[in-house]
């Protein structure tokens, strides 16, 4: 039986879609300068409200750290904005005069934005910016456990857009998030594209909706530490990366794969940076709280090492930044080998890069195909040999994968939606951005004529002689 709340939420979606359709008709006719003015206003508002939204997110979800969520909000408002602000998304965006082909940008139409609880405000800022840059309306479906902070972020984006001349209804958010409401949003005839960031079930639902969808896959990210690596630097960057917002970014490291020849030195460097290595008894207690009933335990997601220790019943030093457990196996029976979305790392030892390559492949196959890989190595030949055959869409060299994967510390396009390509059951292997929010129409002049049938026959006859 469909409950009243479900019916109300479905009606809310339909109302927003009607408003979005009217807004789409208006914004689709705007000039590049008008769009750019709106997007700039939105970015400025996201910047101004970054701290308040971060505080709301942590208070509502219990995930992560306020300071780091501020950084994520600013990443969307600054880095993403700077990457798209000069991009042409209106009218003729490219002229190939030699081949007489013009490329014309067209909006994709109303976008459904699915938002995860782990990044509830930064994702809303990010998706609002790239959608509107392409002259599209967007309606958000927040995670129920982050509905208030996501709705506030969306309200800030809409009000900023209106101040710069955008129509009402351009950016909106479901206030009663239910599964029927999300399904209605994704499947409705007015919705044209889905931006799906969330769990595997939600991404699958997006791809099953019958609409084009940019989804993401899980990020069970291994990072290989080769014997040539700068161990002090690698340890510092990995701990910083894994501790950031307590591991809630899907590109964060999940497992360290370390050459035997440098194991003890690297453990020493990790401990200097705040890594707490679990003994066997502590490991078993932490492992017991990573999964519940065969699924990731949300109570340990985005929590501090100390809180995870408290849940597991062990004492964790106050200065510990990540928990590390030595492991030799991969699979559901070994929960430390899965994507944990918390500051817990698996630590594997290998004899050489060949063994490391096989193990990284195992870890990726167990929930990380198409996503991200890290490698710390000062031998470019080794980097090339190691990375060529890896089934991932982005490989971060000598950096934390959290920041490198999203494009904060690398030259990859800055994004909070990381495609995993066909191998990860996604349509794109790109870091998703404004270029994915436009269709490109091509005007092509005829520059040659098709050869006549007798001319083709004469050429074929000449070739056979």
Protein backbone atom coordinates (compact mmCIF):
# COMPACT_ATOMS: atom_id res chain seq x y z
CA UNK A 1 0.00 0.00 0.00
CA UNK A 2 1.30 3.49 -0.89
CA UNK A 3 1.28 5.67 2.22
CA UNK A 4 0.16 9.31 2.34
CA UNK A 5 3.76 10.48 2.73
CA UNK A 6 4.70 8.66 -0.46
CA UNK A 7 1.79 10.23 -2.33
CA UNK A 8 2.71 13.68 -1.04
CA UNK A 9 6.34 13.24 -2.04
CA UNK A 10 5.34 12.07 -5.54
CA UNK A 11 3.09 15.11 -5.94
CA UNK A 12 5.91 17.36 -4.74
CA UNK A 13 8.16 15.93 -7.47
CA UNK A 14 5.52 16.51 -10.12
CA UNK A 15 5.07 20.12 -8.96
CA UNK A 16 8.82 20.72 -9.12
CA UNK A 17 8.99 19.18 -12.58
CA UNK A 18 6.30 21.54 -13.85
CA UNK A 19 8.21 24.51 -12.43
CA UNK A 20 11.48 23.16 -13.83
CA UNK A 21 9.95 22.81 -17.28
CA UNK A 22 8.91 26.47 -17.27
CA UNK A 23 12.36 27.47 -16.00
CA UNK A 24 14.02 25.28 -18.64
CA UNK A 25 12.12 27.06 -21.41
CA UNK A 26 13.47 30.39 -20.14
CA UNK A 27 17.05 29.45 -19.32
CA UNK A 28 17.41 27.53 -22.59
CA UNK A 29 17.10 30.82 -24.45
CA UNK A 30 19.66 32.72 -22.35
CA UNK A 31 22.96 34.02 -23.69
CA UNK A 32 26.39 32.86 -22.58
CA UNK A 33 26.96 36.04 -20.58
CA UNK A 34 23.62 35.68 -18.80
CA UNK A 35 24.37 32.06 -17.89
CA UNK A 36 27.87 32.91 -16.75
CA UNK A 37 26.54 35.66 -14.50
CA UNK A 38 24.12 33.22 -12.87
CA UNK A 39 26.79 30.55 -12.35
CA UNK A 40 29.18 33.11 -10.85
CA UNK A 41 26.51 34.22 -8.39
CA UNK A 42 25.91 30.61 -7.38
CA UNK A 43 29.62 29.95 -6.87
CA UNK A 44 29.97 33.06 -4.74
CA UNK A 45 27.04 31.97 -2.57
CA UNK A 46 28.48 28.49 -2.15
CA UNK A 47 31.75 30.06 -1.06
CA UNK A 48 30.06 32.37 1.44
CA UNK A 49 27.97 29.60 2.97
CA UNK A 50 30.59 26.84 2.92
CA UNK A 51 31.15 26.73 6.67
CA UNK A 52 27.49 26.92 7.70
CA UNK A 53 26.56 24.14 5.27
CA UNK A 54 29.47 21.98 6.48
CA UNK A 55 28.33 22.38 10.07
CA UNK A 56 24.77 21.45 9.14
CA UNK A 57 25.98 18.36 7.28
CA UNK A 58 28.00 17.00 10.20
CA UNK A 59 25.25 17.77 12.71
CA UNK A 60 22.59 16.04 10.63
CA UNK A 61 24.51 12.98 9.40
CA UNK A 62 27.24 12.48 11.99
CA UNK A 63 29.67 11.80 9.14
CA UNK A 64 33.06 13.44 8.74
CA UNK A 65 34.59 16.67 10.01
CA UNK A 66 33.30 20.23 9.67
CA UNK A 67 36.69 21.61 8.58
CA UNK A 68 37.02 19.05 5.81
CA UNK A 69 33.45 19.48 4.64
CA UNK A 70 34.21 23.20 4.36
CA UNK A 71 37.09 22.26 2.07
CA UNK A 72 34.78 20.08 -0.04
CA UNK A 73 32.20 22.85 -0.34
CA UNK A 74 34.94 25.28 -1.36
CA UNK A 75 36.31 22.75 -3.84
CA UNK A 76 32.95 22.81 -5.59
CA UNK A 77 32.53 26.58 -5.34
CA UNK A 78 36.13 27.40 -6.34
CA UNK A 79 37.89 24.59 -8.22
CA UNK A 80 34.88 23.33 -10.13
CA UNK A 81 33.71 26.85 -10.87
CA UNK A 82 37.14 27.94 -12.12
CA UNK A 83 37.27 24.89 -14.40
CA UNK A 84 33.92 25.67 -16.05
CA UNK A 85 33.60 29.48 -15.90
CA UNK A 86 35.21 30.13 -19.30
CA UNK A 87 33.71 27.07 -21.00
CA UNK A 88 31.45 27.78 -23.97
CA UNK A 89 28.06 26.15 -23.47
CA UNK A 90 25.80 28.41 -25.55
CA UNK A 91 25.51 28.77 -29.31
CA UNK A 92 28.41 27.90 -31.62
CA UNK A 93 31.13 26.58 -29.33
CA UNK A 94 33.58 25.48 -32.04
CA UNK A 95 34.18 26.19 -35.74
CA UNK A 96 36.35 23.90 -37.83
CA UNK A 97 36.64 26.11 -40.90
CA UNK A 98 38.98 23.75 -42.72
CA UNK A 99 36.47 20.88 -42.62
CA UNK A 100 33.45 23.22 -42.52
CA UNK A 101 31.92 21.79 -39.34
CA UNK A 102 30.35 23.93 -36.62
CA UNK A 103 29.48 22.61 -33.17
CA UNK A 104 26.45 24.08 -31.43
CA UNK A 105 25.67 23.52 -27.74
CA UNK A 106 22.17 22.57 -26.68
CA UNK A 107 20.88 21.96 -23.12
CA UNK A 108 20.26 18.34 -22.19
CA UNK A 109 17.10 19.36 -20.33
CA UNK A 110 15.86 18.79 -16.80
CA UNK A 111 18.43 16.96 -14.67
CA UNK A 112 17.69 14.65 -11.73
CA UNK A 113 20.43 15.04 -9.13
CA UNK A 114 20.82 12.14 -6.67
CA UNK A 115 22.82 13.20 -3.59
CA UNK A 116 24.66 10.92 -1.10
CA UNK A 117 24.68 11.35 2.67
CA UNK A 118 28.49 11.35 2.75
CA UNK A 119 28.86 14.52 0.63
CA UNK A 120 25.41 16.11 0.94
CA UNK A 121 26.16 19.81 0.47
CA UNK A 122 29.28 19.82 -1.73
CA UNK A 123 27.54 17.49 -4.22
CA UNK A 124 24.52 19.81 -4.35
CA UNK A 125 26.73 22.83 -5.05
CA UNK A 126 28.74 20.93 -7.66
CA UNK A 127 25.78 19.49 -9.56
CA UNK A 128 23.91 22.81 -9.49
CA UNK A 129 26.89 24.59 -11.06
CA UNK A 130 27.50 22.12 -13.89
CA UNK A 131 23.79 21.73 -14.69
CA UNK A 132 23.05 25.44 -14.89
CA UNK A 133 26.26 26.08 -16.83
CA UNK A 134 24.72 23.90 -19.54
CA UNK A 135 21.42 25.85 -19.32
CA UNK A 136 19.58 23.07 -17.53
CA UNK A 137 17.12 22.99 -14.65
CA UNK A 138 17.93 20.49 -11.90
CA UNK A 139 15.85 18.79 -9.21
CA UNK A 140 17.61 17.09 -6.31
CA UNK A 141 16.68 13.93 -4.45
CA UNK A 142 18.61 14.03 -1.18
CA UNK A 143 19.47 11.10 1.03
CA UNK A 144 16.85 10.91 3.81
CA UNK A 145 19.54 11.17 6.50
CA UNK A 146 20.88 14.40 4.95
CA UNK A 147 17.64 15.96 3.68
CA UNK A 148 17.84 19.23 5.64
CA UNK A 149 21.41 20.21 4.81
CA UNK A 150 21.02 19.26 1.14
CA UNK A 151 17.79 21.24 0.91
CA UNK A 152 19.52 24.25 2.44
CA UNK A 153 22.41 24.02 -0.03
CA UNK A 154 19.93 23.83 -2.92
CA UNK A 155 17.96 26.80 -1.54
CA UNK A 156 21.18 28.83 -1.42
CA UNK A 157 21.96 27.92 -5.04
CA UNK A 158 18.44 28.81 -6.25
CA UNK A 159 18.34 32.14 -4.43
CA UNK A 160 21.77 33.08 -5.75
CA UNK A 161 20.70 32.12 -9.26
CA UNK A 162 17.53 34.23 -8.99
CA UNK A 163 19.53 37.25 -7.81
CA UNK A 164 21.47 37.01 -11.07
CA UNK A 165 18.37 36.73 -13.25
CA UNK A 166 17.47 33.03 -13.24
CA UNK A 167 13.81 31.98 -13.25
CA UNK A 168 12.09 30.42 -10.24
CA UNK A 169 12.09 26.65 -10.22
CA UNK A 170 15.46 26.31 -11.92
CA UNK A 171 16.99 24.50 -8.93
CA UNK A 172 14.84 22.63 -6.41
CA UNK A 173 15.02 19.83 -3.86
CA UNK A 174 12.57 17.19 -2.65
CA UNK A 175 11.71 17.99 0.97
CA UNK A 176 10.15 14.58 1.68
CA UNK A 177 12.65 12.14 0.18
CA UNK A 178 11.08 8.74 -0.36
CA UNK A 179 11.87 5.93 -2.74
CA UNK A 180 8.63 6.48 -4.72
CA UNK A 181 9.50 10.17 -5.07
CA UNK A 182 12.99 9.41 -6.35
CA UNK A 183 11.63 6.86 -8.80
CA UNK A 184 9.06 9.38 -10.03
CA UNK A 185 11.80 11.97 -10.55
CA UNK A 186 14.05 9.59 -12.45
CA UNK A 187 11.33 8.08 -14.66
CA UNK A 188 9.15 11.12 -15.38
CA UNK A 189 8.83 12.18 -19.01
CA UNK A 190 10.13 15.69 -18.20
CA UNK A 191 13.41 14.36 -16.76
CA UNK A 192 16.09 14.00 -19.43
CA UNK A 193 19.33 13.08 -17.63
CA UNK A 194 20.19 11.61 -14.22
CA UNK A 195 23.31 12.53 -12.23
CA UNK A 196 23.48 9.64 -9.76
CA UNK A 197 25.91 9.75 -6.85
CA UNK A 198 25.17 7.27 -4.11
CA UNK A 199 25.14 3.58 -3.28
CA UNK A 200 25.22 0.82 -5.88
CA UNK A 201 21.47 0.16 -5.54
CA UNK A 202 20.61 3.79 -6.28
CA UNK A 203 22.98 3.94 -9.25
CA UNK A 204 21.48 0.72 -10.61
CA UNK A 205 17.99 2.22 -10.24
CA UNK A 206 19.15 5.26 -12.20
CA UNK A 207 20.48 3.10 -15.03
CA UNK A 208 17.26 1.06 -14.97
CA UNK A 209 15.03 4.13 -15.23
CA UNK A 210 15.08 4.25 -19.02
CA UNK A 211 16.82 7.64 -18.96
CA UNK A 212 20.44 8.55 -19.78
CA UNK A 213 22.37 8.48 -16.51
CA UNK A 214 25.82 9.42 -15.31
CA UNK A 215 26.41 7.08 -12.41
CA UNK A 216 29.38 6.14 -10.30
CA UNK A 217 30.69 2.87 -8.93
CA UNK A 218 32.20 1.95 -5.57
CA UNK A 219 35.82 2.92 -5.01
CA UNK A 220 37.72 0.09 -3.35
CA UNK A 221 41.02 1.88 -4.01
CA UNK A 222 44.36 0.09 -3.60
CA UNK A 223 47.59 2.08 -3.41
CA UNK A 224 50.87 0.38 -4.29
CA UNK A 225 54.01 1.57 -2.48
CA UNK A 226 56.99 0.58 -4.60
CA UNK A 227 60.46 0.23 -3.11
CA UNK A 228 61.62 3.36 -4.98
CA UNK A 229 59.00 5.58 -3.30
CA UNK A 230 59.78 8.53 -1.05
CA UNK A 231 58.45 6.75 2.04
CA UNK A 232 58.15 9.78 4.33
CA UNK A 233 56.19 11.69 1.71
CA UNK A 234 54.05 8.70 0.76
CA UNK A 235 53.11 8.04 4.39
CA UNK A 236 52.26 11.70 5.00
CA UNK A 237 50.09 12.00 1.89
CA UNK A 238 48.28 8.70 2.46
CA UNK A 239 47.40 9.47 6.08
CA UNK A 240 46.27 12.97 5.12
CA UNK A 241 44.17 11.53 2.31
CA UNK A 242 42.57 8.71 4.31
CA UNK A 243 41.85 10.90 7.34
CA UNK A 244 40.21 13.63 5.22
CA UNK A 245 36.56 13.88 6.23
CA UNK A 246 37.14 10.47 7.83
CA UNK A 247 37.30 8.60 4.53
CA UNK A 248 33.93 9.59 3.06
CA UNK A 249 35.21 10.39 -0.45
CA UNK A 250 34.99 7.28 -2.63
CA UNK A 251 38.43 7.92 -4.12
CA UNK A 252 40.16 7.53 -0.75
CA UNK A 253 42.64 4.72 -0.21
CA UNK A 254 41.20 1.44 1.09
CA UNK A 255 44.27 -0.79 0.97
CA UNK A 256 48.03 -0.30 0.97
CA UNK A 257 50.05 -2.81 -1.04
CA UNK A 258 53.67 -2.56 0.09
CA UNK A 259 56.92 -4.09 -1.19
CA UNK A 260 58.45 -6.44 1.38
CA UNK A 261 61.84 -4.75 1.09
CA UNK A 262 60.50 -1.47 2.53
CA UNK A 263 57.78 -2.78 4.82
CA UNK A 264 59.37 -1.97 8.19
CA UNK A 265 60.60 1.45 7.07
CA UNK A 266 57.18 2.32 5.71
CA UNK A 267 55.37 1.17 8.86
CA UNK A 268 57.73 3.42 10.83
CA UNK A 269 56.86 6.40 8.61
CA UNK A 270 53.14 5.67 8.80
CA UNK A 271 53.26 5.57 12.59
CA UNK A 272 55.09 8.90 12.61
CA UNK A 273 52.20 10.39 10.65
CA UNK A 274 49.54 9.10 13.06
CA UNK A 275 48.71 5.62 11.80
CA UNK A 276 47.69 3.22 14.57
CA UNK A 277 48.44 -0.40 13.74
CA UNK A 278 45.93 -2.82 15.23
CA UNK A 279 47.14 -6.00 16.90
CA UNK A 280 45.33 -9.22 16.04
CA UNK A 281 42.81 -8.93 18.87
CA UNK A 282 42.05 -5.30 18.06
CA UNK A 283 41.81 -6.11 14.38
CA UNK A 284 39.15 -8.77 14.96
CA UNK A 285 37.08 -6.35 17.05
CA UNK A 286 37.28 -3.60 14.40
CA UNK A 287 36.55 -6.09 11.62
CA UNK A 288 33.41 -7.16 13.49
CA UNK A 289 31.92 -3.65 13.23
CA UNK A 290 32.81 -2.89 9.60
CA UNK A 291 29.97 -5.05 8.25
CA UNK A 292 26.57 -5.94 9.71
CA UNK A 293 24.39 -8.66 8.19
CA UNK A 294 26.62 -8.80 5.14
CA UNK A 295 26.43 -5.06 4.46
CA UNK A 296 28.61 -2.07 5.27
CA UNK A 297 27.84 -0.81 8.77
CA UNK A 298 26.71 2.82 8.44
CA UNK A 299 27.59 3.44 12.11
CA UNK A 300 31.31 3.30 11.29
CA UNK A 301 31.10 5.35 8.09
CA UNK A 302 32.71 8.77 8.35
CA UNK A 303 33.62 8.31 12.03
CA UNK A 304 36.89 9.15 13.71
CA UNK A 305 39.37 6.38 14.57
CA UNK A 306 38.55 6.96 18.23
CA UNK A 307 34.80 6.59 17.66
CA UNK A 308 35.35 3.39 15.65
CA UNK A 309 37.49 2.13 18.53
CA UNK A 310 34.70 2.94 20.95
CA UNK A 311 32.15 1.07 18.81
CA UNK A 312 34.52 -1.90 18.56
CA UNK A 313 35.41 -1.86 22.26
CA UNK A 314 39.11 -1.02 21.96
CA UNK A 315 41.21 1.90 23.18
CA UNK A 316 42.55 4.06 20.34
CA UNK A 317 45.12 6.78 21.10
CA UNK A 318 43.78 10.32 20.91
CA UNK A 319 46.36 11.29 18.28
CA UNK A 320 45.59 8.39 15.92
CA UNK A 321 44.50 9.58 12.47
CA UNK A 322 43.92 6.22 10.75
CA UNK A 323 43.58 2.62 11.84
CA UNK A 324 45.67 0.06 9.95
CA UNK A 325 45.12 -3.71 9.91
CA UNK A 326 47.53 -6.15 8.29
CA UNK A 327 45.74 -8.53 5.94
CA UNK A 328 46.62 -11.30 3.48
CA UNK A 329 43.24 -12.09 1.92
CA UNK A 330 40.54 -10.34 -0.13
CA UNK A 331 36.81 -11.02 0.03
CA UNK A 332 33.63 -10.67 2.06
CA UNK A 333 35.05 -12.91 4.77
CA UNK A 334 37.76 -10.26 5.27
CA UNK A 335 35.84 -6.99 5.82
CA UNK A 336 38.98 -4.86 6.04
CA UNK A 337 39.44 -5.55 2.30
CA UNK A 338 36.18 -3.82 1.29
CA UNK A 339 35.39 -0.14 0.66
CA UNK A 340 34.89 1.06 4.24
CA UNK A 341 34.23 4.82 3.83
CA UNK A 342 36.04 5.35 7.13
CA UNK A 343 39.65 5.93 8.25
CA UNK A 344 40.49 2.21 8.28
CA UNK A 345 43.19 0.84 5.97
CA UNK A 346 44.11 -2.70 5.00
CA UNK A 347 47.86 -3.33 4.80
CA UNK A 348 49.21 -6.00 2.43
CA UNK A 349 52.82 -7.06 1.90
CA UNK A 350 54.10 -8.30 -1.49
CA UNK A 351 57.47 -9.50 -2.69
CA UNK A 352 57.57 -7.42 -5.89
CA UNK A 353 55.53 -5.39 -8.39
CA UNK A 354 54.30 -8.50 -10.19
CA UNK A 355 52.67 -9.79 -7.01
CA UNK A 356 51.46 -6.26 -6.24
CA UNK A 357 49.85 -6.05 -9.67
CA UNK A 358 47.89 -9.26 -9.14
CA UNK A 359 46.78 -8.25 -5.66
CA UNK A 360 45.65 -4.79 -6.77
CA UNK A 361 43.64 -6.46 -9.49
CA UNK A 362 41.97 -8.68 -6.88
CA UNK A 363 41.10 -5.73 -4.66
CA UNK A 364 39.66 -3.76 -7.59
CA UNK A 365 37.63 -6.74 -8.75
CA UNK A 366 36.16 -6.92 -5.25
CA UNK A 367 34.16 -3.71 -5.50
CA UNK A 368 36.38 -1.12 -7.19
CA UNK A 369 36.41 -1.85 -10.91
CA UNK A 370 36.79 1.24 -13.05
CA UNK A 371 37.37 3.66 -10.20
CA UNK A 372 40.80 4.70 -8.89
CA UNK A 373 44.28 3.33 -8.19
CA UNK A 374 47.22 4.90 -6.39
CA UNK A 375 50.94 4.28 -6.84
CA UNK A 376 53.90 5.77 -5.00
CA UNK A 377 56.99 5.25 -7.10
CA UNK A 378 59.94 7.29 -8.38
CA UNK A 379 60.64 5.11 -11.42
CA UNK A 380 58.53 6.17 -14.41
CA UNK A 381 59.20 2.90 -16.19
CA UNK A 382 57.70 0.98 -13.27
CA UNK A 383 54.73 3.36 -13.18
CA UNK A 384 54.07 2.75 -16.87
CA UNK A 385 54.43 -1.02 -16.63
CA UNK A 386 52.25 -1.18 -13.52
CA UNK A 387 49.42 1.04 -14.71
CA UNK A 388 48.90 0.07 -18.36
CA UNK A 389 46.61 -2.91 -17.74
CA UNK A 390 44.82 -1.76 -14.58
CA UNK A 391 40.99 -1.72 -14.84
CA UNK A 392 40.51 1.81 -13.48
CA UNK A 393 39.62 5.22 -14.88
CA UNK A 394 42.11 7.33 -12.92
CA UNK A 395 45.53 6.54 -11.49
CA UNK A 396 47.11 8.90 -8.98
CA UNK A 397 50.92 8.88 -8.91
CA UNK A 398 52.78 10.06 -5.78
CA UNK A 399 49.71 11.66 -4.24
CA UNK A 400 46.76 10.95 -1.99
CA UNK A 401 44.03 9.34 -4.05
CA UNK A 402 41.27 11.29 -2.26
CA UNK A 403 42.51 14.59 -3.61
CA UNK A 404 44.10 13.31 -6.82
CA UNK A 405 41.01 11.40 -7.94
CA UNK A 406 38.67 14.39 -7.68
CA UNK A 407 41.17 16.64 -9.44
CA UNK A 408 42.12 18.81 -6.44
CA UNK A 409 45.87 18.01 -6.61
CA UNK A 410 46.11 16.67 -10.16
CA UNK A 411 45.24 18.11 -13.57
CA UNK A 412 42.26 15.75 -13.89
CA UNK A 413 39.00 17.69 -14.34
CA UNK A 414 37.73 18.70 -10.88
CA UNK A 415 34.57 16.80 -10.04
CA UNK A 416 32.60 15.12 -7.27
CA UNK A 417 31.08 12.55 -9.63
CA UNK A 418 33.72 10.09 -10.82
CA UNK A 419 32.71 7.84 -13.70
CA UNK A 420 33.98 4.26 -13.75
CA UNK A 421 33.52 3.48 -17.44
CA UNK A 422 32.03 0.34 -18.93
CA UNK A 423 34.13 -1.93 -16.72
CA UNK A 424 32.45 -0.33 -13.70
CA UNK A 425 29.01 -0.45 -15.35
CA UNK A 426 29.04 3.31 -16.00
CA UNK A 427 28.50 5.13 -19.29
CA UNK A 428 31.58 7.35 -18.85
CA UNK A 429 35.06 7.00 -17.39
CA UNK A 430 35.36 10.79 -17.07
CA UNK A 431 35.28 13.03 -14.06
CA UNK A 432 31.79 14.36 -14.82
CA UNK A 433 31.48 18.08 -15.53
CA UNK A 434 29.62 20.75 -17.46
CA UNK A 435 30.61 19.25 -20.83
CA UNK A 436 28.39 16.28 -19.97
CA UNK A 437 25.47 18.65 -19.41
CA UNK A 438 25.16 19.73 -23.04
CA UNK A 439 24.30 18.02 -26.29
CA UNK A 440 26.35 19.06 -29.31
CA UNK A 441 24.64 19.65 -32.63
CA UNK A 442 26.87 19.69 -35.70
CA UNK A 443 26.39 21.81 -38.79
CA UNK A 444 28.41 20.18 -41.55
CA UNK A 445 28.90 21.59 -45.05
CA UNK A 446 29.31 19.14 -47.90
CA UNK A 447 33.00 19.26 -48.85
CA UNK A 448 33.08 16.41 -51.37
CA UNK A 449 30.76 14.40 -53.55
CA UNK A 450 30.18 10.69 -53.44
CA UNK A 451 31.97 8.93 -56.34
CA UNK A 452 29.77 7.60 -59.16
CA UNK A 453 29.21 3.87 -59.37
CA UNK A 454 31.15 3.49 -62.63
CA UNK A 455 34.10 5.38 -61.12
CA UNK A 456 34.13 2.97 -58.16
CA UNK A 457 34.01 -0.02 -60.54
CA UNK A 458 36.90 1.34 -62.61
CA UNK A 459 39.02 1.80 -59.46
CA UNK A 460 38.23 -1.72 -58.23
CA UNK A 461 39.08 -3.13 -61.67
CA UNK A 462 42.41 -1.27 -61.72
CA UNK A 463 43.29 -2.64 -58.26
CA UNK A 464 42.68 -6.25 -59.34
CA UNK A 465 45.10 -6.01 -62.25
